[in-house]
Amino acid sequence: MPESNKQTLDNIEEYGCHVLGILEDDDPAFTYSVGIYEKQQRAEVIVVGLDNSLAHSMVNKYNRRIKEGERFEFGKLYSGFLEGFDVCFIKVAEKYFDEYPLACNTHYGEGRYELIQMVWPTTGGQWPWDKDTSEFYRWAQPILNESGKLKKI
């Protein structure tokens, strides 16, 4: 039995996931799901560096689309998450699990789960792999895969 709190469990039961937003401090804000892996056998999702209310909406759209049967592939672009912009997904390396999705760790206990990062471009259309992206953008959206880098899609 998961060790999550009642609100988390209630949200997972009612909506298929619980969404948590962590405010910016010395690190960028991030928002992530808990329960998608349990309910849908699909990866949990994290959005790093965006306003928590916007990121919360993006996580909910991901959950809804997963429940409707959509599958997401790494390296492909997807619309409908961030108005006017595509996003892409990358697999999050387990070395980041003790830094970011702490509620997932609590919820799943010793059980394993998958986590993907929804990567978003700047308002100018730049991606983290573009050479002339700003230092702020690189700070705001760290890439949580094994290498910490992306190659162009």
C-alpha atoms as a PDB file:
ATOM      1  CA  MET A   1       0.000   0.000   0.000  1.00  0.00           C
ATOM      2  CA  PRO A   2       1.402   3.388  -0.938  1.00  0.00           C
ATOM      3  CA  GLU A   3       2.410   5.660   1.938  1.00  0.00           C
ATOM      4  CA  SER A   4       1.039   8.811   0.266  1.00  0.00           C
ATOM      5  CA  ASN A   5      -1.233  11.191   2.123  1.00  0.00           C
ATOM      6  CA  LYS A   6      -5.020  11.073   1.792  1.00  0.00           C
ATOM      7  CA  GLN A   7      -5.277  14.046  -0.601  1.00  0.00           C
ATOM      8  CA  THR A   8      -2.791  12.434  -2.979  1.00  0.00           C
ATOM      9  CA  LEU A   9      -4.654   9.128  -2.878  1.00  0.00           C
ATOM     10  CA  ASP A  10      -8.042  10.823  -3.340  1.00  0.00           C
ATOM     11  CA  ASN A  11      -6.792  12.781  -6.359  1.00  0.00           C
ATOM     12  CA  ILE A  12      -5.238   9.687  -7.918  1.00  0.00           C
ATOM     13  CA  GLU A  13      -8.514   7.823  -7.489  1.00  0.00           C
ATOM     14  CA  GLU A  14     -10.682  10.662  -8.840  1.00  0.00           C
ATOM     15  CA  TYR A  15      -8.459  12.143 -11.574  1.00  0.00           C
ATOM     16  CA  GLY A  16      -5.876   9.457 -12.301  1.00  0.00           C
ATOM     17  CA  CYS A  17      -3.056  11.483 -10.755  1.00  0.00           C
ATOM     18  CA  HIS A  18      -2.093  14.058  -8.182  1.00  0.00           C
ATOM     19  CA  VAL A  19      -0.122  17.118  -9.358  1.00  0.00           C
ATOM     20  CA  LEU A  20       2.463  18.857  -7.187  1.00  0.00           C
ATOM     21  CA  GLY A  21       4.088  22.222  -7.823  1.00  0.00           C
ATOM     22  CA  ILE A  22       7.363  23.148  -6.154  1.00  0.00           C
ATOM     23  CA  LEU A  23       8.107  26.865  -6.007  1.00  0.00           C
ATOM     24  CA  GLU A  24      11.307  28.431  -7.265  1.00  0.00           C
ATOM     25  CA  ASP A  25      14.062  29.164  -4.746  1.00  0.00           C
ATOM     26  CA  ASP A  26      17.723  28.637  -5.572  1.00  0.00           C
ATOM     27  CA  ASP A  27      16.495  26.100  -8.109  1.00  0.00           C
ATOM     28  CA  PRO A  28      13.813  26.545 -10.771  1.00  0.00           C
ATOM     29  CA  ALA A  29      10.169  25.754 -10.046  1.00  0.00           C
ATOM     30  CA  PHE A  30       8.905  22.372 -11.168  1.00  0.00           C
ATOM     31  CA  THR A  31       5.618  20.516 -11.338  1.00  0.00           C
ATOM     32  CA  TYR A  32       5.067  16.783 -11.601  1.00  0.00           C
ATOM     33  CA  SER A  33       2.502  14.009 -11.460  1.00  0.00           C
ATOM     34  CA  VAL A  34       2.045  11.168  -8.999  1.00  0.00           C
ATOM     35  CA  GLY A  35      -0.150   8.183  -9.827  1.00  0.00           C
ATOM     36  CA  ILE A  36      -0.116   8.009 -13.628  1.00  0.00           C
ATOM     37  CA  TYR A  37       2.286   5.076 -13.544  1.00  0.00           C
ATOM     38  CA  GLU A  38       0.034   3.310 -11.053  1.00  0.00           C
ATOM     39  CA  LYS A  39      -3.247   3.984 -12.877  1.00  0.00           C
ATOM     40  CA  GLN A  40      -2.204   3.973 -16.541  1.00  0.00           C
ATOM     41  CA  GLN A  41       1.127   2.091 -16.512  1.00  0.00           C
ATOM     42  CA  ARG A  42       2.633   5.109 -18.286  1.00  0.00           C
ATOM     43  CA  ALA A  43       5.422   7.394 -17.136  1.00  0.00           C
ATOM     44  CA  GLU A  44       4.904  10.147 -14.608  1.00  0.00           C
ATOM     45  CA  VAL A  45       5.723  13.571 -16.074  1.00  0.00           C
ATOM     46  CA  ILE A  46       7.688  16.582 -14.830  1.00  0.00           C
ATOM     47  CA  VAL A  47       7.774  20.136 -16.190  1.00  0.00           C
ATOM     48  CA  VAL A  48      10.695  22.254 -14.988  1.00  0.00           C
ATOM     49  CA  GLY A  49      11.043  26.031 -15.089  1.00  0.00           C
ATOM     50  CA  LEU A  50       7.534  27.224 -15.870  1.00  0.00           C
ATOM     51  CA  ASP A  51       4.963  28.922 -13.667  1.00  0.00           C
ATOM     52  CA  ASN A  52       3.344  26.222 -11.531  1.00  0.00           C
ATOM     53  CA  SER A  53      -0.209  26.977 -12.684  1.00  0.00           C
ATOM     54  CA  LEU A  54       0.788  26.716 -16.361  1.00  0.00           C
ATOM     55  CA  ALA A  55       2.841  23.578 -15.712  1.00  0.00           C
ATOM     56  CA  HIS A  56      -0.058  22.095 -13.685  1.00  0.00           C
ATOM     57  CA  SER A  57      -2.288  22.534 -16.727  1.00  0.00           C
ATOM     58  CA  MET A  58       0.326  20.848 -18.948  1.00  0.00           C
ATOM     59  CA  VAL A  59       0.584  17.878 -16.576  1.00  0.00           C
ATOM     60  CA  ASN A  60      -3.210  17.548 -16.530  1.00  0.00           C
ATOM     61  CA  LYS A  61      -3.293  17.600 -20.350  1.00  0.00           C
ATOM     62  CA  TYR A  62      -0.660  14.866 -20.412  1.00  0.00           C
ATOM     63  CA  ASN A  63      -2.739  12.797 -17.968  1.00  0.00           C
ATOM     64  CA  ARG A  64      -5.913  13.303 -20.024  1.00  0.00           C
ATOM     65  CA  ARG A  65      -4.198  12.397 -23.283  1.00  0.00           C
ATOM     66  CA  ILE A  66      -2.652   9.282 -21.708  1.00  0.00           C
ATOM     67  CA  LYS A  67      -6.079   8.225 -20.432  1.00  0.00           C
ATOM     68  CA  GLU A  68      -7.457   8.722 -23.962  1.00  0.00           C
ATOM     69  CA  GLY A  69      -4.845   6.256 -25.224  1.00  0.00           C
ATOM     70  CA  GLU A  70      -2.217   8.575 -26.696  1.00  0.00           C
ATOM     71  CA  ARG A  71       1.402   7.453 -26.489  1.00  0.00           C
ATOM     72  CA  PHE A  72       4.375   9.799 -26.580  1.00  0.00           C
ATOM     73  CA  GLU A  73       7.724   9.039 -28.158  1.00  0.00           C
ATOM     74  CA  PHE A  74      11.052  10.567 -27.248  1.00  0.00           C
ATOM     75  CA  GLY A  75      12.372  13.006 -29.828  1.00  0.00           C
ATOM     76  CA  LYS A  76       9.013  13.829 -31.439  1.00  0.00           C
ATOM     77  CA  LEU A  77       7.284  17.186 -31.180  1.00  0.00           C
ATOM     78  CA  TYR A  78       3.756  17.459 -29.766  1.00  0.00           C
ATOM     79  CA  SER A  79       1.304  20.339 -29.788  1.00  0.00           C
ATOM     80  CA  GLY A  80      -1.586  21.112 -27.486  1.00  0.00           C
ATOM     81  CA  PHE A  81       0.296  21.398 -24.205  1.00  0.00           C
ATOM     82  CA  LEU A  82       1.626  24.948 -24.450  1.00  0.00           C
ATOM     83  CA  GLU A  83      -0.383  27.363 -26.570  1.00  0.00           C
ATOM     84  CA  GLY A  84       1.468  28.281 -29.738  1.00  0.00           C
ATOM     85  CA  PHE A  85       4.442  25.981 -29.088  1.00  0.00           C
ATOM     86  CA  ASP A  86       5.355  22.331 -29.431  1.00  0.00           C
ATOM     87  CA  VAL A  87       6.941  20.330 -26.629  1.00  0.00           C
ATOM     88  CA  CYS A  88       8.970  17.139 -26.618  1.00  0.00           C
ATOM     89  CA  PHE A  89       9.634  14.416 -24.066  1.00  0.00           C
ATOM     90  CA  ILE A  90      12.824  12.890 -22.687  1.00  0.00           C
ATOM     91  CA  LYS A  91      13.378  10.065 -20.229  1.00  0.00           C
ATOM     92  CA  VAL A  92      14.462  11.310 -16.796  1.00  0.00           C
ATOM     93  CA  ALA A  93      17.514   9.512 -15.397  1.00  0.00           C
ATOM     94  CA  GLU A  94      17.007   7.804 -12.042  1.00  0.00           C
ATOM     95  CA  LYS A  95      19.863   9.870 -10.583  1.00  0.00           C
ATOM     96  CA  TYR A  96      17.366  12.780 -10.436  1.00  0.00           C
ATOM     97  CA  PHE A  97      14.636  10.844  -8.599  1.00  0.00           C
ATOM     98  CA  ASP A  98      15.983  11.822  -5.166  1.00  0.00           C
ATOM     99  CA  GLU A  99      16.098  15.498  -6.143  1.00  0.00           C
ATOM    100  CA  TYR A 100      12.808  16.133  -7.960  1.00  0.00           C
ATOM    101  CA  PRO A 101       9.860  13.683  -7.667  1.00  0.00           C
ATOM    102  CA  LEU A 102      10.029  13.098  -3.919  1.00  0.00           C
ATOM    103  CA  ALA A 103       6.278  12.492  -3.592  1.00  0.00           C
ATOM    104  CA  CYS A 104       6.583   9.760  -6.246  1.00  0.00           C
ATOM    105  CA  ASN A 105       9.288   8.149  -4.131  1.00  0.00           C
ATOM    106  CA  THR A 106       6.990   8.265  -1.099  1.00  0.00           C
ATOM    107  CA  HIS A 107       3.993   7.020  -3.046  1.00  0.00           C
ATOM    108  CA  TYR A 108       5.727   4.124  -4.774  1.00  0.00           C
ATOM    109  CA  GLY A 109       7.989   3.253  -1.843  1.00  0.00           C
ATOM    110  CA  GLU A 110      10.464   0.639  -2.976  1.00  0.00           C
ATOM    111  CA  GLY A 111       8.486   0.144  -6.197  1.00  0.00           C
ATOM    112  CA  ARG A 112       9.909   1.387  -9.446  1.00  0.00           C
ATOM    113  CA  TYR A 113       8.243   3.933 -11.693  1.00  0.00           C
ATOM    114  CA  GLU A 114       9.104   5.804 -14.872  1.00  0.00           C
ATOM    115  CA  LEU A 115       9.431   9.566 -15.225  1.00  0.00           C
ATOM    116  CA  ILE A 116       9.643  11.705 -18.343  1.00  0.00           C
ATOM    117  CA  GLN A 117      10.371  15.408 -18.715  1.00  0.00           C
ATOM    118  CA  MET A 118       8.206  17.614 -20.910  1.00  0.00           C
ATOM    119  CA  VAL A 119      10.685  19.993 -22.556  1.00  0.00           C
ATOM    120  CA  TRP A 120       9.454  23.381 -23.760  1.00  0.00           C
ATOM    121  CA  PRO A 121      10.988  26.048 -26.011  1.00  0.00           C
ATOM    122  CA  THR A 122      11.503  29.734 -25.248  1.00  0.00           C
ATOM    123  CA  THR A 123       8.934  32.234 -26.508  1.00  0.00           C
ATOM    124  CA  GLY A 124      11.432  32.886 -29.305  1.00  0.00           C
ATOM    125  CA  GLY A 125      11.250  29.219 -30.311  1.00  0.00           C
ATOM    126  CA  GLN A 126      14.686  28.217 -29.008  1.00  0.00           C
ATOM    127  CA  TRP A 127      15.267  24.789 -27.494  1.00  0.00           C
ATOM    128  CA  PRO A 128      17.820  23.791 -24.857  1.00  0.00           C
ATOM    129  CA  TRP A 129      20.038  22.273 -27.542  1.00  0.00           C
ATOM    130  CA  ASP A 130      20.216  25.497 -29.569  1.00  0.00           C
ATOM    131  CA  LYS A 131      23.670  27.029 -29.165  1.00  0.00           C
ATOM    132  CA  ASP A 132      22.525  30.604 -28.559  1.00  0.00           C
ATOM    133  CA  THR A 133      20.031  29.994 -25.748  1.00  0.00           C
ATOM    134  CA  SER A 134      20.374  32.202 -22.691  1.00  0.00           C
ATOM    135  CA  GLU A 135      22.026  31.170 -19.450  1.00  0.00           C
ATOM    136  CA  PHE A 136      18.739  31.878 -17.658  1.00  0.00           C
ATOM    137  CA  TYR A 137      16.858  29.458 -19.925  1.00  0.00           C
ATOM    138  CA  ARG A 138      19.476  26.790 -19.349  1.00  0.00           C
ATOM    139  CA  TRP A 139      19.163  27.359 -15.587  1.00  0.00           C
ATOM    140  CA  ALA A 140      15.345  27.442 -15.690  1.00  0.00           C
ATOM    141  CA  GLN A 141      15.024  24.178 -17.591  1.00  0.00           C
ATOM    142  CA  PRO A 142      17.797  21.749 -16.712  1.00  0.00           C
ATOM    143  CA  ILE A 143      17.726  18.629 -18.830  1.00  0.00           C
ATOM    144  CA  LEU A 144      17.189  15.640 -16.548  1.00  0.00           C
ATOM    145  CA  ASN A 145      18.351  12.809 -18.800  1.00  0.00           C
ATOM    146  CA  GLU A 146      21.479  10.756 -18.204  1.00  0.00           C
ATOM    147  CA  SER A 147      23.839  13.131 -20.011  1.00  0.00           C
ATOM    148  CA  GLY A 148      22.108  16.401 -19.087  1.00  0.00           C
ATOM    149  CA  LYS A 149      22.167  17.330 -22.771  1.00  0.00           C
ATOM    150  CA  LEU A 150      19.893  17.016 -25.745  1.00  0.00           C
ATOM    151  CA  LYS A 151      20.567  16.794 -29.400  1.00  0.00           C
ATOM    152  CA  LYS A 152      18.495  18.560 -32.005  1.00  0.00           C
ATOM    153  CA  ILE A 153      15.186  16.933 -32.915  1.00  0.00           C
END
